[in-house]
Amino acid sequence: MLLRFRVANVRSLREEQELSFVVPPGEDASGTREVMLADGPLRVFPLIGIFGANASGKSNVLTSMARMREAVLNSYAKWASYEGTPREVFALDPKSADEPSFFEVDVAIDGVRWTYGFELGPERVESEWVHSYPHGRRQEWLDRDASRTELYRWPGSRVKDRAQLARRTRPNALLLSTAGTDNHPQLSPLFHWFRRNLWEIGPETERKQREAFTAQQLTGKRGERIRELLRVADLGITGAEIQQPDGGASVRLTHRAEDGEVPFDWALESFGTRSWFALLGTMLLALEDHDNHPGVDTALARAESYNLSVAFSHPCFEIWRVLHLKEASGSFGGVCRVAEQRLPAAWHKVPGGIKALLPDQVKKQYEVARGRAVKMNAEHPDHVPRHKRDPYTDVYKFVEEGLGIASY
């Protein structure tokens, strides 16, 4: 989980800025979540909103997160073609071009807090550092400083294969990027955290695919809910209709006019309207583990009242993974660990641990897993609420209805 993000000299963010999910001491903790770390529990906000005037830098905070992710994932393989490093520095001060861009995160991985950061200069990585807090006290794993004769320092000699990592890392590449590419046993979990997190999802991200998905949902059971959300968005929309010309299906939204309602061709709709429409189909989908959460039954009932589709697994998502290998029989007692123990020992040893789902683990097994899930679910009597069926999973509905995938 992301705990804190800090950035400086990126786009409009001249001075260091911090975005923190950690609840400040003395602040109301209602609605927050508890993260268990080695040095005790930490209260965090599950969601953060960034508010401000137009052109105040809100989007650049999110873009900076995405740029940090791109640097970690791509600097080893893709920056070899660059003269220096790809940066977007603060443009309103000429001095910024000669100053480094700064990125740093605090994250929690498997109950341990990590700090990772780096500074990018115009020609090279100026510095890079990794700290871990396995017992509540800081351990320095990496200290890279391009201004020193001794470029890399490894306090405590904790990192294996240090000489090879240093030799294979170019001046304009991050050592963590090299470590992730090499599947380094100690640093790969941190690399894979970036692979799975800090995704930048904006109005244009796969917008056409999401538009098509929402249009498809208009003809199904979520159609009326989508129309309702279009009407209440204060866009002047009164309805939506699907036309079936020779070239395929198309959407026309009807707008309020003095003399009634007027349908617009899709190409005439505003960018904001099309972006809102593209979001609606995926907004009405959810994938949920049980994990013994006390509010599962309430959440499922509320989702049903809003006509939201929920793909549900009890006790956890790993049931779906088990079914790719074998049938799941007998109660799991609501304990996810029991499901994890039925997965191969080799899966526990991959970078990221048992929670890392790799394509080779499930490919070409979808139809078999789906059949086993349907059979398993049918063994529960109809009068037993879905959240009390153990084991149970209908993740295949999310695959087919949510992702639009027929098989894999």
Protein backbone atom coordinates (compact mmCIF):
# COMPACT_ATOMS: atom_id res chain seq x y z
CA MET A 1 0.00 0.00 0.00
CA LEU A 2 1.15 3.54 -0.73
CA LEU A 3 1.67 5.50 2.49
CA ARG A 4 3.35 8.69 1.24
CA PHE A 5 4.50 10.16 -2.05
CA ARG A 6 6.92 13.09 -2.39
CA VAL A 7 7.99 14.95 -5.51
CA ALA A 8 9.85 18.11 -6.54
CA ASN A 9 10.88 19.84 -9.78
CA VAL A 10 8.43 17.95 -11.97
CA ARG A 11 6.11 19.91 -14.27
CA SER A 12 4.42 22.65 -12.20
CA LEU A 13 5.64 21.23 -8.86
CA ARG A 14 8.71 23.38 -8.17
CA GLU A 15 9.14 22.83 -4.42
CA GLU A 16 8.81 19.50 -2.65
CA GLN A 17 5.20 18.36 -2.27
CA GLU A 18 3.90 15.43 -0.23
CA LEU A 19 0.73 13.39 -0.61
CA SER A 20 0.14 11.29 2.51
CA PHE A 21 -2.40 8.58 3.26
CA VAL A 22 -1.27 8.44 6.90
CA VAL A 23 -3.72 9.87 9.42
CA PRO A 24 -2.05 12.75 11.33
CA PRO A 25 -1.86 12.38 15.13
CA GLY A 26 -4.97 13.67 16.85
CA GLU A 27 -7.12 13.71 13.71
CA ASP A 28 -10.49 11.96 13.57
CA ALA A 29 -9.81 8.36 12.53
CA SER A 30 -13.39 7.42 11.62
CA GLY A 31 -13.59 5.86 8.18
CA THR A 32 -9.86 5.07 8.16
CA ARG A 33 -8.19 1.67 7.94
CA GLU A 34 -5.52 0.00 10.02
CA VAL A 35 -2.33 -1.26 8.39
CA MET A 36 -0.30 -3.65 10.51
CA LEU A 37 3.42 -2.93 10.32
CA ALA A 38 6.38 -4.47 12.12
CA ASP A 39 6.46 -1.59 14.59
CA GLY A 40 2.70 -1.59 15.24
CA PRO A 41 -0.57 -0.52 13.61
CA LEU A 42 -0.81 2.55 11.39
CA ARG A 43 -4.09 4.33 10.56
CA VAL A 44 -4.43 5.32 6.91
CA PHE A 45 -7.05 6.93 4.69
CA PRO A 46 -8.42 4.47 2.11
CA LEU A 47 -9.07 7.28 -0.36
CA ILE A 48 -7.69 10.77 -0.96
CA GLY A 49 -9.08 13.59 -3.05
CA ILE A 50 -6.95 16.43 -4.41
CA PHE A 51 -8.84 19.71 -4.65
CA GLY A 52 -7.77 23.07 -6.06
CA ALA A 53 -8.31 25.70 -8.69
CA ASN A 54 -7.74 25.06 -12.37
CA ALA A 55 -4.04 24.87 -13.30
CA SER A 56 -3.04 24.54 -9.63
CA GLY A 57 -1.13 21.29 -10.18
CA LYS A 58 -3.66 18.60 -9.21
CA SER A 59 -3.17 16.56 -12.36
CA ASN A 60 0.60 16.92 -12.13
CA VAL A 61 0.69 15.20 -8.74
CA LEU A 62 -0.93 12.14 -10.33
CA THR A 63 1.21 12.40 -13.45
CA SER A 64 4.34 12.53 -11.26
CA MET A 65 3.34 9.22 -9.67
CA ALA A 66 2.98 7.70 -13.13
CA ARG A 67 6.38 9.10 -14.18
CA MET A 68 8.01 7.52 -11.13
CA ARG A 69 6.42 4.19 -11.99
CA GLU A 70 7.58 4.46 -15.61
CA ALA A 71 11.15 5.19 -14.50
CA VAL A 72 11.26 2.14 -12.24
CA LEU A 73 9.77 -0.19 -14.84
CA ASN A 74 11.46 1.14 -17.99
CA SER A 75 14.74 2.91 -17.26
CA TYR A 76 16.85 -0.25 -17.64
CA ALA A 77 15.31 -1.46 -20.91
CA LYS A 78 14.07 1.69 -22.64
CA TRP A 79 16.26 4.59 -21.52
CA ALA A 80 19.31 3.17 -23.30
CA SER A 81 18.20 5.10 -26.39
CA TYR A 82 18.07 8.42 -24.51
CA GLU A 83 20.79 11.03 -24.27
CA GLY A 84 20.47 11.47 -20.52
CA THR A 85 17.15 11.02 -18.74
CA PRO A 86 13.59 11.86 -19.87
CA ARG A 87 12.38 14.60 -17.52
CA GLU A 88 9.70 17.29 -17.37
CA VAL A 89 11.14 19.91 -15.05
CA PHE A 90 9.54 23.09 -13.74
CA ALA A 91 9.47 25.31 -16.83
CA LEU A 92 9.03 28.77 -15.28
CA ASP A 93 12.51 28.98 -13.76
CA PRO A 94 15.57 28.43 -16.03
CA LYS A 95 17.57 27.16 -13.05
CA SER A 96 15.27 24.14 -12.74
CA ALA A 97 16.75 22.53 -15.85
CA ASP A 98 20.08 22.06 -14.03
CA GLU A 99 18.51 20.83 -10.79
CA PRO A 100 17.46 17.23 -10.15
CA SER A 101 13.88 15.98 -10.19
CA PHE A 102 13.04 14.25 -6.92
CA PHE A 103 10.72 11.25 -6.36
CA GLU A 104 10.16 9.23 -3.17
CA VAL A 105 7.56 6.83 -1.79
CA ASP A 106 6.85 5.13 1.52
CA VAL A 107 5.03 1.85 0.93
CA ALA A 108 3.90 -1.13 2.99
CA ILE A 109 4.66 -4.58 1.54
CA ASP A 110 3.71 -7.68 3.53
CA GLY A 111 3.69 -5.77 6.81
CA VAL A 112 7.05 -4.05 6.29
CA ARG A 113 7.50 -0.36 5.50
CA TRP A 114 9.90 0.57 2.71
CA THR A 115 11.22 3.93 1.56
CA TYR A 116 12.46 4.20 -2.01
CA GLY A 117 13.48 7.29 -3.93
CA PHE A 118 15.75 8.78 -6.55
CA GLU A 119 16.85 12.04 -8.14
CA LEU A 120 17.14 12.45 -11.89
CA GLY A 121 19.54 14.97 -13.36
CA PRO A 122 19.60 16.02 -17.02
CA GLU A 123 22.26 13.40 -17.91
CA ARG A 124 22.14 10.71 -15.24
CA VAL A 125 20.60 9.36 -12.06
CA GLU A 126 22.09 11.61 -9.39
CA SER A 127 21.04 9.53 -6.40
CA GLU A 128 18.96 6.51 -5.42
CA TRP A 129 18.16 4.98 -2.04
CA VAL A 130 16.33 2.03 -0.47
CA HIS A 131 15.43 1.81 3.22
CA SER A 132 13.51 -0.93 5.01
CA TYR A 133 11.91 -1.03 8.48
CA PRO A 134 11.47 -4.76 9.25
CA HIS A 135 11.66 -4.27 13.03
CA GLY A 136 10.48 -0.67 13.23
CA ARG A 137 14.02 0.69 12.86
CA ARG A 138 15.53 1.89 9.60
CA GLN A 139 17.84 -0.39 7.66
CA GLU A 140 19.73 1.17 4.76
CA TRP A 141 19.97 -1.19 1.81
CA LEU A 142 21.22 1.08 -0.96
CA ASP A 143 22.86 4.49 -1.06
CA ARG A 144 23.74 5.67 -4.58
CA ASP A 145 25.32 9.07 -5.13
CA ALA A 146 26.75 10.07 -8.52
CA SER A 147 28.80 12.88 -6.99
CA ARG A 148 30.99 10.43 -5.05
CA THR A 149 33.94 8.42 -6.27
CA GLU A 150 32.30 5.41 -4.61
CA LEU A 151 29.04 5.48 -6.56
CA TYR A 152 27.27 2.72 -4.61
CA ARG A 153 27.32 2.04 -0.91
CA TRP A 154 25.58 -0.99 0.58
CA PRO A 155 25.24 -0.43 4.36
CA GLY A 156 25.12 -3.73 6.20
CA SER A 157 25.92 -5.65 2.98
CA ARG A 158 22.31 -6.88 2.95
CA VAL A 159 21.83 -6.91 -0.83
CA LYS A 160 23.05 -9.97 -2.72
CA ASP A 161 24.81 -9.83 -6.10
CA ARG A 162 25.77 -6.20 -5.47
CA ALA A 163 28.70 -6.11 -7.90
CA GLN A 164 26.61 -7.52 -10.75
CA LEU A 165 23.76 -5.05 -10.13
CA ALA A 166 26.18 -2.12 -10.10
CA ARG A 167 27.98 -3.30 -13.23
CA ARG A 168 24.75 -3.78 -15.23
CA THR A 169 23.17 -0.44 -14.25
CA ARG A 170 23.86 2.42 -16.66
CA PRO A 171 24.36 5.97 -15.35
CA ASN A 172 20.93 6.94 -16.71
CA ALA A 173 19.09 3.87 -15.35
CA LEU A 174 17.76 3.03 -11.90
CA LEU A 175 19.34 0.13 -10.05
CA LEU A 176 15.85 -1.00 -8.95
CA SER A 177 14.90 -1.24 -12.63
CA THR A 178 17.92 -3.48 -13.22
CA ALA A 179 17.06 -5.58 -10.16
CA GLY A 180 13.49 -6.10 -11.32
CA THR A 181 14.61 -7.07 -14.81
CA ASP A 182 17.05 -9.59 -13.31
CA ASN A 183 14.39 -10.97 -10.94
CA HIS A 184 16.59 -10.12 -7.97
CA PRO A 185 15.38 -12.17 -4.95
CA GLN A 186 15.44 -9.29 -2.46
CA LEU A 187 14.57 -6.20 -4.50
CA SER A 188 12.03 -7.70 -6.91
CA PRO A 189 9.10 -7.35 -4.46
CA LEU A 190 9.68 -3.59 -4.39
CA PHE A 191 9.98 -3.50 -8.19
CA HIS A 192 6.75 -5.48 -8.58
CA TRP A 193 4.97 -3.11 -6.20
CA PHE A 194 5.48 -0.40 -8.81
CA ARG A 195 4.34 -2.77 -11.54
CA ARG A 196 1.02 -3.33 -9.76
CA ASN A 197 0.46 0.20 -8.42
CA LEU A 198 0.52 3.91 -9.34
CA TRP A 199 -1.53 3.37 -12.49
CA GLU A 200 -2.61 6.60 -14.13
CA ILE A 201 -6.25 6.21 -15.20
CA GLY A 202 -7.65 9.35 -16.74
CA PRO A 203 -10.52 10.20 -19.05
CA GLU A 204 -8.51 9.14 -22.10
CA THR A 205 -7.18 5.83 -20.73
CA GLU A 206 -8.71 3.15 -22.98
CA ARG A 207 -11.64 5.52 -23.48
CA LYS A 208 -12.85 4.00 -26.75
CA GLN A 209 -12.88 0.51 -25.26
CA ARG A 210 -14.77 1.78 -22.22
CA GLU A 211 -17.24 3.66 -24.42
CA ALA A 212 -17.96 0.44 -26.29
CA PHE A 213 -18.36 -1.48 -23.03
CA THR A 214 -20.81 1.08 -21.61
CA ALA A 215 -22.79 1.00 -24.86
CA GLN A 216 -23.01 -2.77 -24.54
CA GLN A 217 -24.28 -2.42 -20.97
CA LEU A 218 -27.09 -0.10 -22.11
CA THR A 219 -28.95 -3.06 -23.57
CA GLY A 220 -28.62 -5.18 -20.40
CA LYS A 221 -29.83 -5.09 -16.83
CA ARG A 222 -27.59 -2.12 -15.95
CA GLY A 223 -28.96 0.00 -18.79
CA GLU A 224 -31.50 1.91 -16.70
CA ARG A 225 -28.92 2.65 -13.99
CA ILE A 226 -26.53 4.04 -16.63
CA ARG A 227 -29.29 6.25 -18.04
CA GLU A 228 -30.08 7.48 -14.53
CA LEU A 229 -26.44 8.44 -13.92
CA LEU A 230 -26.36 10.27 -17.25
CA ARG A 231 -29.50 12.25 -16.30
CA VAL A 232 -28.32 13.30 -12.84
CA ALA A 233 -24.85 14.44 -14.00
CA ASP A 234 -26.18 17.92 -14.87
CA LEU A 235 -25.15 17.55 -18.51
CA GLY A 236 -28.61 18.22 -19.90
CA ILE A 237 -28.98 14.57 -20.94
CA THR A 238 -32.44 13.03 -20.77
CA GLY A 239 -31.75 9.56 -22.15
CA ALA A 240 -29.65 7.26 -24.29
CA GLU A 241 -30.53 5.07 -27.23
CA ILE A 242 -28.69 2.44 -29.24
CA GLN A 243 -28.94 2.52 -33.01
CA GLN A 244 -28.08 -0.45 -35.20
CA PRO A 245 -27.01 0.88 -38.60
CA ASP A 246 -25.28 -1.31 -41.16
CA GLY A 247 -21.87 -0.33 -39.81
CA GLY A 248 -22.66 -1.59 -36.29
CA ALA A 249 -24.16 -0.27 -33.07
CA SER A 250 -23.83 3.40 -32.14
CA VAL A 251 -24.98 5.51 -29.20
CA ARG A 252 -27.07 8.65 -29.37
CA LEU A 253 -27.73 10.69 -26.24
CA THR A 254 -30.89 12.79 -26.06
CA HIS A 255 -30.62 16.33 -24.70
CA ARG A 256 -33.16 18.63 -23.11
CA ALA A 257 -34.40 21.37 -25.46
CA GLU A 258 -37.12 24.03 -25.39
CA ASP A 259 -39.39 21.95 -27.59
CA GLY A 260 -38.64 18.56 -26.04
CA GLU A 261 -35.67 16.25 -26.54
CA VAL A 262 -33.01 16.34 -29.26
CA PRO A 263 -30.70 13.37 -30.05
CA PHE A 264 -27.05 14.21 -30.80
CA ASP A 265 -24.69 12.25 -33.00
CA TRP A 266 -21.92 10.80 -30.88
CA ALA A 267 -19.26 12.86 -32.67
CA LEU A 268 -21.03 16.06 -31.52
CA GLU A 269 -20.93 15.21 -27.83
CA SER A 270 -18.51 17.14 -25.65
CA PHE A 271 -15.31 15.59 -24.34
CA GLY A 272 -16.66 15.74 -20.77
CA THR A 273 -19.88 13.95 -21.72
CA ARG A 274 -18.04 11.21 -23.57
CA SER A 275 -15.59 10.78 -20.69
CA TRP A 276 -18.45 10.46 -18.18
CA PHE A 277 -20.24 7.95 -20.40
CA ALA A 278 -17.04 5.89 -20.76
CA LEU A 279 -16.65 5.67 -16.98
CA LEU A 280 -20.17 4.45 -16.24
CA GLY A 281 -19.93 0.89 -17.50
CA THR A 282 -16.91 0.01 -15.38
CA MET A 283 -18.24 2.00 -12.41
CA LEU A 284 -21.08 -0.50 -12.08
CA LEU A 285 -18.79 -3.50 -11.65
CA ALA A 286 -17.02 -4.79 -8.56
CA LEU A 287 -14.76 -7.70 -7.61
CA GLU A 288 -14.79 -8.54 -3.91
CA ASP A 289 -13.14 -10.99 -1.53
CA HIS A 290 -14.96 -12.00 1.64
CA ASP A 291 -11.93 -11.92 3.98
CA ASN A 292 -14.33 -12.14 6.95
CA HIS A 293 -15.23 -8.47 6.60
CA PRO A 294 -18.19 -7.77 8.91
CA GLY A 295 -19.95 -5.56 6.35
CA VAL A 296 -19.95 -7.94 3.38
CA ASP A 297 -23.67 -8.72 3.56
CA THR A 298 -24.53 -5.02 3.79
CA ALA A 299 -22.25 -4.17 0.86
CA LEU A 300 -23.77 -6.89 -1.32
CA ALA A 301 -27.31 -5.78 -0.50
CA ARG A 302 -26.47 -2.16 -1.23
CA ALA A 303 -24.84 -3.10 -4.53
CA GLU A 304 -27.96 -5.06 -5.51
CA SER A 305 -30.20 -2.11 -4.66
CA TYR A 306 -28.20 0.04 -7.10
CA ASN A 307 -28.17 -2.71 -9.72
CA LEU A 308 -24.40 -3.13 -9.45
CA SER A 309 -22.84 -6.43 -10.46
CA VAL A 310 -20.48 -7.95 -7.88
CA ALA A 311 -18.20 -10.90 -8.57
CA PHE A 312 -17.69 -12.52 -5.19
CA SER A 313 -15.19 -14.99 -3.70
CA HIS A 314 -15.44 -16.61 -0.28
CA PRO A 315 -13.16 -16.74 1.57
CA CYS A 316 -10.88 -15.02 -0.97
CA PHE A 317 -9.78 -14.68 -4.60
CA GLU A 318 -7.37 -17.61 -4.24
CA ILE A 319 -10.36 -19.98 -4.51
CA TRP A 320 -10.56 -18.99 -8.19
CA ARG A 321 -6.86 -19.77 -8.63
CA VAL A 322 -7.25 -23.18 -6.95
CA LEU A 323 -9.98 -24.08 -9.43
CA HIS A 324 -7.53 -23.70 -12.31
CA LEU A 325 -5.67 -26.69 -10.85
CA LYS A 326 -8.27 -28.87 -9.14
CA GLU A 327 -11.70 -28.93 -7.59
CA ALA A 328 -12.17 -27.19 -4.24
CA SER A 329 -14.11 -29.37 -1.84
CA GLY A 330 -15.01 -28.96 1.80
CA SER A 331 -15.33 -25.78 3.84
CA PHE A 332 -12.37 -23.42 4.12
CA GLY A 333 -13.63 -22.10 7.43
CA GLY A 334 -13.60 -18.57 6.04
CA VAL A 335 -9.77 -18.59 6.17
CA CYS A 336 -7.88 -17.49 3.07
CA ARG A 337 -4.70 -19.17 4.25
CA VAL A 338 -6.38 -22.57 3.79
CA ALA A 339 -6.96 -21.73 0.12
CA GLU A 340 -3.39 -20.50 -0.28
CA GLN A 341 -2.07 -23.79 1.13
CA ARG A 342 -3.76 -25.67 -1.73
CA LEU A 343 -1.69 -23.77 -4.28
CA PRO A 344 1.69 -25.17 -5.42
CA ALA A 345 4.69 -24.43 -3.21
CA ALA A 346 6.50 -22.92 -6.21
CA TRP A 347 3.82 -20.22 -6.46
CA HIS A 348 4.71 -19.01 -2.97
CA LYS A 349 8.32 -18.40 -4.04
CA VAL A 350 7.79 -16.14 -7.06
CA PRO A 351 8.57 -12.41 -6.70
CA GLY A 352 5.65 -10.85 -4.87
CA GLY A 353 4.75 -14.09 -3.12
CA ILE A 354 1.52 -16.04 -3.33
CA LYS A 355 -0.52 -12.89 -4.09
CA ALA A 356 1.34 -12.47 -7.40
CA LEU A 357 -0.80 -13.93 -10.19
CA LEU A 358 1.34 -14.87 -13.20
CA PRO A 359 -0.07 -15.73 -16.65
CA ASP A 360 1.58 -19.17 -16.80
CA GLN A 361 -0.32 -20.19 -13.65
CA VAL A 362 -3.77 -19.88 -15.21
CA LYS A 363 -3.55 -19.73 -19.01
CA LYS A 364 -5.47 -22.33 -21.06
CA GLN A 365 -7.42 -23.35 -17.95
CA TYR A 366 -10.30 -20.86 -17.96
CA GLU A 367 -13.02 -23.21 -19.24
CA VAL A 368 -11.99 -25.90 -16.74
CA ALA A 369 -11.91 -23.43 -13.82
CA ARG A 370 -15.28 -21.97 -14.82
CA GLY A 371 -16.87 -25.41 -14.95
CA ARG A 372 -15.49 -26.31 -11.53
CA ALA A 373 -16.74 -23.02 -10.09
CA VAL A 374 -20.26 -23.53 -11.42
CA LYS A 375 -20.31 -27.09 -10.03
CA MET A 376 -18.95 -25.96 -6.65
CA ASN A 377 -21.41 -23.10 -6.33
CA ALA A 378 -24.36 -25.37 -7.18
CA GLU A 379 -23.63 -27.49 -4.11
CA HIS A 380 -24.87 -24.68 -1.85
CA PRO A 381 -28.64 -24.59 -1.19
CA ASP A 382 -30.46 -21.58 -2.63
CA HIS A 383 -31.59 -20.39 0.80
CA VAL A 384 -27.96 -19.87 1.95
CA PRO A 385 -26.93 -16.22 1.35
CA ARG A 386 -24.06 -15.84 -1.09
CA HIS A 387 -21.75 -14.31 1.52
CA LYS A 388 -22.13 -17.42 3.71
CA ARG A 389 -21.36 -19.98 1.00
CA ASP A 390 -17.91 -21.46 1.69
CA PRO A 391 -16.24 -22.04 -0.69
CA TYR A 392 -17.79 -19.93 -3.42
CA THR A 393 -16.60 -17.85 -6.36
CA ASP A 394 -18.15 -16.32 -9.45
CA VAL A 395 -15.07 -14.43 -10.61
CA TYR A 396 -15.81 -15.83 -14.06
CA LYS A 397 -18.65 -13.29 -14.25
CA PHE A 398 -16.15 -10.48 -13.75
CA VAL A 399 -13.90 -11.99 -16.44
CA GLU A 400 -16.72 -12.25 -18.95
CA GLU A 401 -18.96 -9.28 -18.08
CA GLY A 402 -16.43 -6.91 -16.58
CA LEU A 403 -13.35 -7.56 -18.68
CA GLY A 404 -15.13 -8.76 -21.80
CA ILE A 405 -12.90 -11.86 -22.01
CA ALA A 406 -14.49 -15.08 -23.26
CA SER A 407 -11.53 -17.29 -22.45
CA TYR A 408 -7.80 -17.33 -21.73
